[in-house]
C-alpha cells in the first residue's frame, strides 16, 4: 500500500525597499500579479511613524507596533498556520 503525502508550497520573497516610494509600488504590483504568499521587507517607506505604500488588499502587515518600522512582514490572508509575526525583529 502506497502512502500519499500532501505537500504545499508558499511563495516567498524578501525585499529591501531602500525607503523608496517607487520600490514600494513595484513590490505592491508584484504581490498582486504574482500572488506571492509572504514577504519580508527591510527599509520600507514610512512617513511620520506610519508605514506607507503597503496597504495591499488581501494582505496582512505584521510589525512590532512602532518599535521596529524597519522590518515588517506581509502575509496573504488566505494562508493559515503561519506565524511569521514572530519573525519580525529577529532577522
N, C-alpha and C. Protein backbone atom coordinates (compact mmCIF):
# COMPACT_ATOMS: atom_id res chain seq x y z
N UNK A 1 0.85 -1.17 0.00
CA UNK A 1 0.00 0.00 0.00
C UNK A 1 0.90 1.24 0.00
N UNK A 2 0.62 2.13 -0.90
CA UNK A 2 1.41 3.35 -1.01
C UNK A 2 0.77 4.46 -0.20
N UNK A 3 1.59 5.13 0.58
CA UNK A 3 1.10 6.25 1.37
C UNK A 3 1.37 7.55 0.61
N UNK A 4 0.34 8.34 0.38
CA UNK A 4 0.48 9.61 -0.33
C UNK A 4 0.65 10.74 0.67
N UNK A 5 1.62 11.57 0.42
CA UNK A 5 1.87 12.71 1.29
C UNK A 5 1.48 13.97 0.55
N UNK A 6 0.64 14.75 1.17
CA UNK A 6 0.22 16.03 0.58
C UNK A 6 1.24 17.09 0.96
N UNK A 7 1.72 17.80 -0.02
CA UNK A 7 2.67 18.88 0.23
C UNK A 7 2.10 20.16 -0.34
N UNK A 8 2.41 21.25 0.31
CA UNK A 8 2.01 22.54 -0.22
C UNK A 8 3.23 23.45 -0.23
N UNK A 9 3.16 24.46 -1.05
CA UNK A 9 4.28 25.39 -1.13
C UNK A 9 3.79 26.80 -0.82
N UNK A 10 4.70 27.60 -0.37
CA UNK A 10 4.43 29.00 -0.08
C UNK A 10 5.40 29.82 -0.92
N UNK A 11 4.87 30.74 -1.71
CA UNK A 11 5.76 31.62 -2.46
C UNK A 11 6.20 32.75 -1.54
N UNK A 12 7.49 33.04 -1.56
CA UNK A 12 8.10 33.90 -0.56
C UNK A 12 9.14 34.78 -1.21
N UNK A 13 9.16 36.07 -0.86
CA UNK A 13 10.24 36.95 -1.32
C UNK A 13 10.70 37.82 -0.16
N UNK A 14 11.92 38.29 -0.29
CA UNK A 14 12.49 39.23 0.66
C UNK A 14 12.87 40.47 -0.15
N UNK A 15 12.53 41.65 0.36
CA UNK A 15 12.79 42.87 -0.40
C UNK A 15 13.35 43.96 0.50
N UNK A 16 14.40 44.62 0.04
CA UNK A 16 14.92 45.81 0.69
C UNK A 16 14.48 46.98 -0.18
N UNK A 17 13.55 47.78 0.32
CA UNK A 17 12.96 48.86 -0.48
C UNK A 17 13.79 50.14 -0.45
N UNK A 18 14.80 50.21 0.38
CA UNK A 18 15.69 51.37 0.49
C UNK A 18 14.90 52.67 0.62
N UNK A 19 13.80 52.61 1.38
CA UNK A 19 12.95 53.78 1.69
C UNK A 19 12.33 54.41 0.45
N UNK A 20 12.23 53.67 -0.61
CA UNK A 20 11.81 54.21 -1.91
C UNK A 20 10.31 54.05 -2.15
N UNK A 21 9.69 55.14 -2.59
CA UNK A 21 8.27 55.10 -2.97
C UNK A 21 8.11 54.19 -4.19
N UNK A 22 8.98 54.35 -5.18
CA UNK A 22 8.90 53.56 -6.40
C UNK A 22 9.06 52.06 -6.11
N UNK A 23 10.00 51.71 -5.25
CA UNK A 23 10.21 50.31 -4.91
C UNK A 23 8.99 49.74 -4.19
N UNK A 24 8.34 50.55 -3.37
CA UNK A 24 7.11 50.11 -2.69
C UNK A 24 6.02 49.81 -3.70
N UNK A 25 5.92 50.64 -4.72
CA UNK A 25 4.91 50.42 -5.77
C UNK A 25 5.22 49.17 -6.59
N UNK A 26 6.48 48.96 -6.90
CA UNK A 26 6.86 47.75 -7.64
C UNK A 26 6.55 46.51 -6.81
N UNK A 27 6.85 46.55 -5.51
CA UNK A 27 6.54 45.42 -4.64
C UNK A 27 5.04 45.16 -4.61
N UNK A 28 4.24 46.21 -4.45
CA UNK A 28 2.78 46.06 -4.41
C UNK A 28 2.26 45.41 -5.70
N UNK A 29 2.77 45.87 -6.83
CA UNK A 29 2.35 45.33 -8.13
C UNK A 29 2.78 43.86 -8.26
N UNK A 30 3.99 43.57 -7.83
CA UNK A 30 4.49 42.19 -7.90
C UNK A 30 3.64 41.25 -7.06
N UNK A 31 3.28 41.68 -5.86
CA UNK A 31 2.44 40.85 -5.00
C UNK A 31 1.09 40.59 -5.65
N UNK A 32 0.51 41.64 -6.26
CA UNK A 32 -0.80 41.50 -6.89
C UNK A 32 -0.76 40.58 -8.12
N UNK A 33 0.25 40.75 -8.95
CA UNK A 33 0.34 39.99 -10.20
C UNK A 33 0.78 38.55 -9.97
N UNK A 34 1.79 38.37 -9.15
CA UNK A 34 2.36 37.03 -8.93
C UNK A 34 1.65 36.24 -7.84
N UNK A 35 0.87 36.92 -6.99
CA UNK A 35 0.19 36.22 -5.90
C UNK A 35 1.15 35.66 -4.87
N UNK A 36 2.19 36.41 -4.55
CA UNK A 36 3.18 35.98 -3.56
C UNK A 36 2.48 35.83 -2.21
N UNK A 37 2.79 34.75 -1.49
CA UNK A 37 2.13 34.47 -0.22
C UNK A 37 2.71 35.25 0.96
N UNK A 38 4.03 35.42 0.98
CA UNK A 38 4.67 36.02 2.14
C UNK A 38 5.85 36.86 1.70
N UNK A 39 6.05 37.99 2.36
CA UNK A 39 7.15 38.89 2.03
C UNK A 39 7.79 39.42 3.30
N UNK A 40 9.10 39.40 3.37
CA UNK A 40 9.84 40.07 4.44
C UNK A 40 10.42 41.33 3.83
N UNK A 41 10.23 42.46 4.50
CA UNK A 41 10.62 43.74 3.93
C UNK A 41 11.52 44.50 4.88
N UNK A 42 12.62 45.03 4.33
CA UNK A 42 13.51 45.90 5.09
C UNK A 42 13.49 47.29 4.46
N UNK A 43 13.84 48.29 5.26
CA UNK A 43 13.98 49.68 4.83
C UNK A 43 12.78 50.14 4.01
N UNK A 44 11.60 49.95 4.58
CA UNK A 44 10.38 50.32 3.88
C UNK A 44 10.13 51.82 3.94
N UNK A 45 9.24 52.26 3.12
CA UNK A 45 8.87 53.67 3.04
C UNK A 45 7.91 53.98 4.19
N UNK A 46 8.30 54.90 5.05
CA UNK A 46 7.40 55.35 6.10
C UNK A 46 7.56 56.85 6.29
N UNK A 47 6.48 57.45 6.81
CA UNK A 47 6.44 58.91 6.97
C UNK A 47 5.76 59.23 8.29
N UNK A 48 6.43 60.01 9.12
CA UNK A 48 5.91 60.43 10.43
C UNK A 48 5.43 59.23 11.24
N UNK A 49 6.22 58.17 11.23
CA UNK A 49 5.92 56.99 12.03
C UNK A 49 4.87 56.06 11.47
N UNK A 50 4.43 56.29 10.22
CA UNK A 50 3.42 55.44 9.60
C UNK A 50 4.00 54.75 8.37
N UNK A 51 3.74 53.47 8.25
CA UNK A 51 4.18 52.70 7.10
C UNK A 51 3.33 53.12 5.90
N UNK A 52 3.99 53.42 4.79
CA UNK A 52 3.30 53.91 3.60
C UNK A 52 3.44 52.90 2.46
N UNK A 53 2.43 52.87 1.60
CA UNK A 53 2.50 52.11 0.36
C UNK A 53 2.33 50.61 0.48
N UNK A 54 2.04 50.10 1.67
CA UNK A 54 1.90 48.65 1.82
C UNK A 54 0.50 48.24 2.31
N UNK A 55 -0.46 49.10 2.10
CA UNK A 55 -1.85 48.77 2.42
C UNK A 55 -2.43 48.04 1.21
N UNK A 56 -2.11 46.76 1.10
CA UNK A 56 -2.43 45.98 -0.07
C UNK A 56 -3.63 45.08 0.23
N UNK A 57 -4.72 45.20 -0.54
CA UNK A 57 -5.89 44.35 -0.30
C UNK A 57 -5.52 42.87 -0.36
N UNK A 58 -6.00 42.12 0.62
CA UNK A 58 -5.74 40.69 0.67
C UNK A 58 -4.49 40.30 1.44
N UNK A 59 -3.79 41.30 2.00
CA UNK A 59 -2.56 41.04 2.76
C UNK A 59 -2.67 41.65 4.15
N UNK A 60 -2.01 41.00 5.11
CA UNK A 60 -1.93 41.50 6.48
C UNK A 60 -0.48 41.92 6.72
N UNK A 61 -0.31 43.09 7.30
CA UNK A 61 1.02 43.61 7.60
C UNK A 61 1.35 43.34 9.06
N UNK A 62 2.50 42.71 9.31
CA UNK A 62 2.96 42.44 10.66
C UNK A 62 4.18 43.31 10.95
N UNK A 63 4.17 43.97 12.09
CA UNK A 63 5.35 44.71 12.55
C UNK A 63 5.30 44.77 14.07
N UNK A 64 6.37 45.23 14.66
CA UNK A 64 6.42 45.32 16.11
C UNK A 64 5.91 46.68 16.56
N UNK A 65 4.67 46.96 16.32
CA UNK A 65 3.95 48.12 16.86
C UNK A 65 4.80 49.34 17.14
N UNK A 66 5.36 49.92 16.13
CA UNK A 66 6.10 51.15 16.30
C UNK A 66 7.49 50.98 16.86
N UNK A 67 7.84 49.77 17.28
CA UNK A 67 9.17 49.53 17.84
C UNK A 67 10.19 49.43 16.71
N UNK A 68 9.84 48.70 15.67
CA UNK A 68 10.76 48.48 14.58
C UNK A 68 10.04 48.61 13.25
N UNK A 69 10.01 49.81 12.70
CA UNK A 69 9.37 50.02 11.42
C UNK A 69 10.30 49.67 10.26
N UNK A 70 11.52 49.31 10.56
CA UNK A 70 12.49 48.96 9.52
C UNK A 70 12.26 47.57 8.96
N UNK A 71 11.64 46.68 9.73
CA UNK A 71 11.46 45.29 9.33
C UNK A 71 10.00 44.91 9.52
N UNK A 72 9.35 44.55 8.44
CA UNK A 72 7.96 44.12 8.52
C UNK A 72 7.76 42.86 7.67
N UNK A 73 6.62 42.26 7.83
CA UNK A 73 6.26 41.07 7.09
C UNK A 73 4.85 41.26 6.55
N UNK A 74 4.63 40.87 5.30
CA UNK A 74 3.30 40.86 4.70
C UNK A 74 2.91 39.42 4.46
N UNK A 75 1.66 39.09 4.75
CA UNK A 75 1.16 37.73 4.54
C UNK A 75 -0.19 37.79 3.87
N UNK A 76 -0.40 36.94 2.88
CA UNK A 76 -1.73 36.85 2.28
C UNK A 76 -2.70 36.32 3.31
N UNK A 77 -3.91 36.82 3.29
CA UNK A 77 -4.90 36.41 4.29
C UNK A 77 -5.40 34.99 4.08
N UNK A 78 -5.09 34.38 2.95
CA UNK A 78 -5.57 33.03 2.68
C UNK A 78 -4.68 31.94 3.23
N UNK A 79 -3.54 32.31 3.80
CA UNK A 79 -2.61 31.31 4.35
C UNK A 79 -2.88 31.15 5.85
N UNK A 80 -3.03 29.92 6.27
CA UNK A 80 -3.29 29.65 7.68
C UNK A 80 -2.14 28.85 8.27
N UNK A 81 -1.93 29.01 9.57
CA UNK A 81 -0.93 28.21 10.26
C UNK A 81 0.48 28.75 10.16
N UNK A 82 0.66 29.95 9.63
CA UNK A 82 2.00 30.56 9.55
C UNK A 82 2.11 31.62 10.63
N UNK A 83 3.20 31.62 11.33
CA UNK A 83 3.39 32.55 12.43
C UNK A 83 4.56 33.46 12.17
N UNK A 84 4.61 34.07 11.00
CA UNK A 84 5.76 34.90 10.68
C UNK A 84 5.79 36.19 11.47
N UNK A 85 4.73 36.55 12.19
CA UNK A 85 4.82 37.73 13.04
C UNK A 85 5.91 37.55 14.09
N UNK A 86 6.23 36.30 14.41
CA UNK A 86 7.32 36.05 15.35
C UNK A 86 8.69 36.26 14.70
N UNK A 87 8.73 36.29 13.35
CA UNK A 87 9.98 36.53 12.65
C UNK A 87 10.36 38.00 12.65
N UNK A 88 9.37 38.86 12.75
CA UNK A 88 9.62 40.30 12.66
C UNK A 88 10.51 40.73 13.82
N UNK A 89 11.60 41.40 13.51
CA UNK A 89 12.52 41.87 14.52
C UNK A 89 13.59 40.88 14.90
N UNK A 90 13.52 39.66 14.36
CA UNK A 90 14.52 38.68 14.72
C UNK A 90 15.48 38.37 13.59
N UNK A 91 15.34 39.01 12.45
CA UNK A 91 16.20 38.70 11.31
C UNK A 91 16.95 39.87 10.85
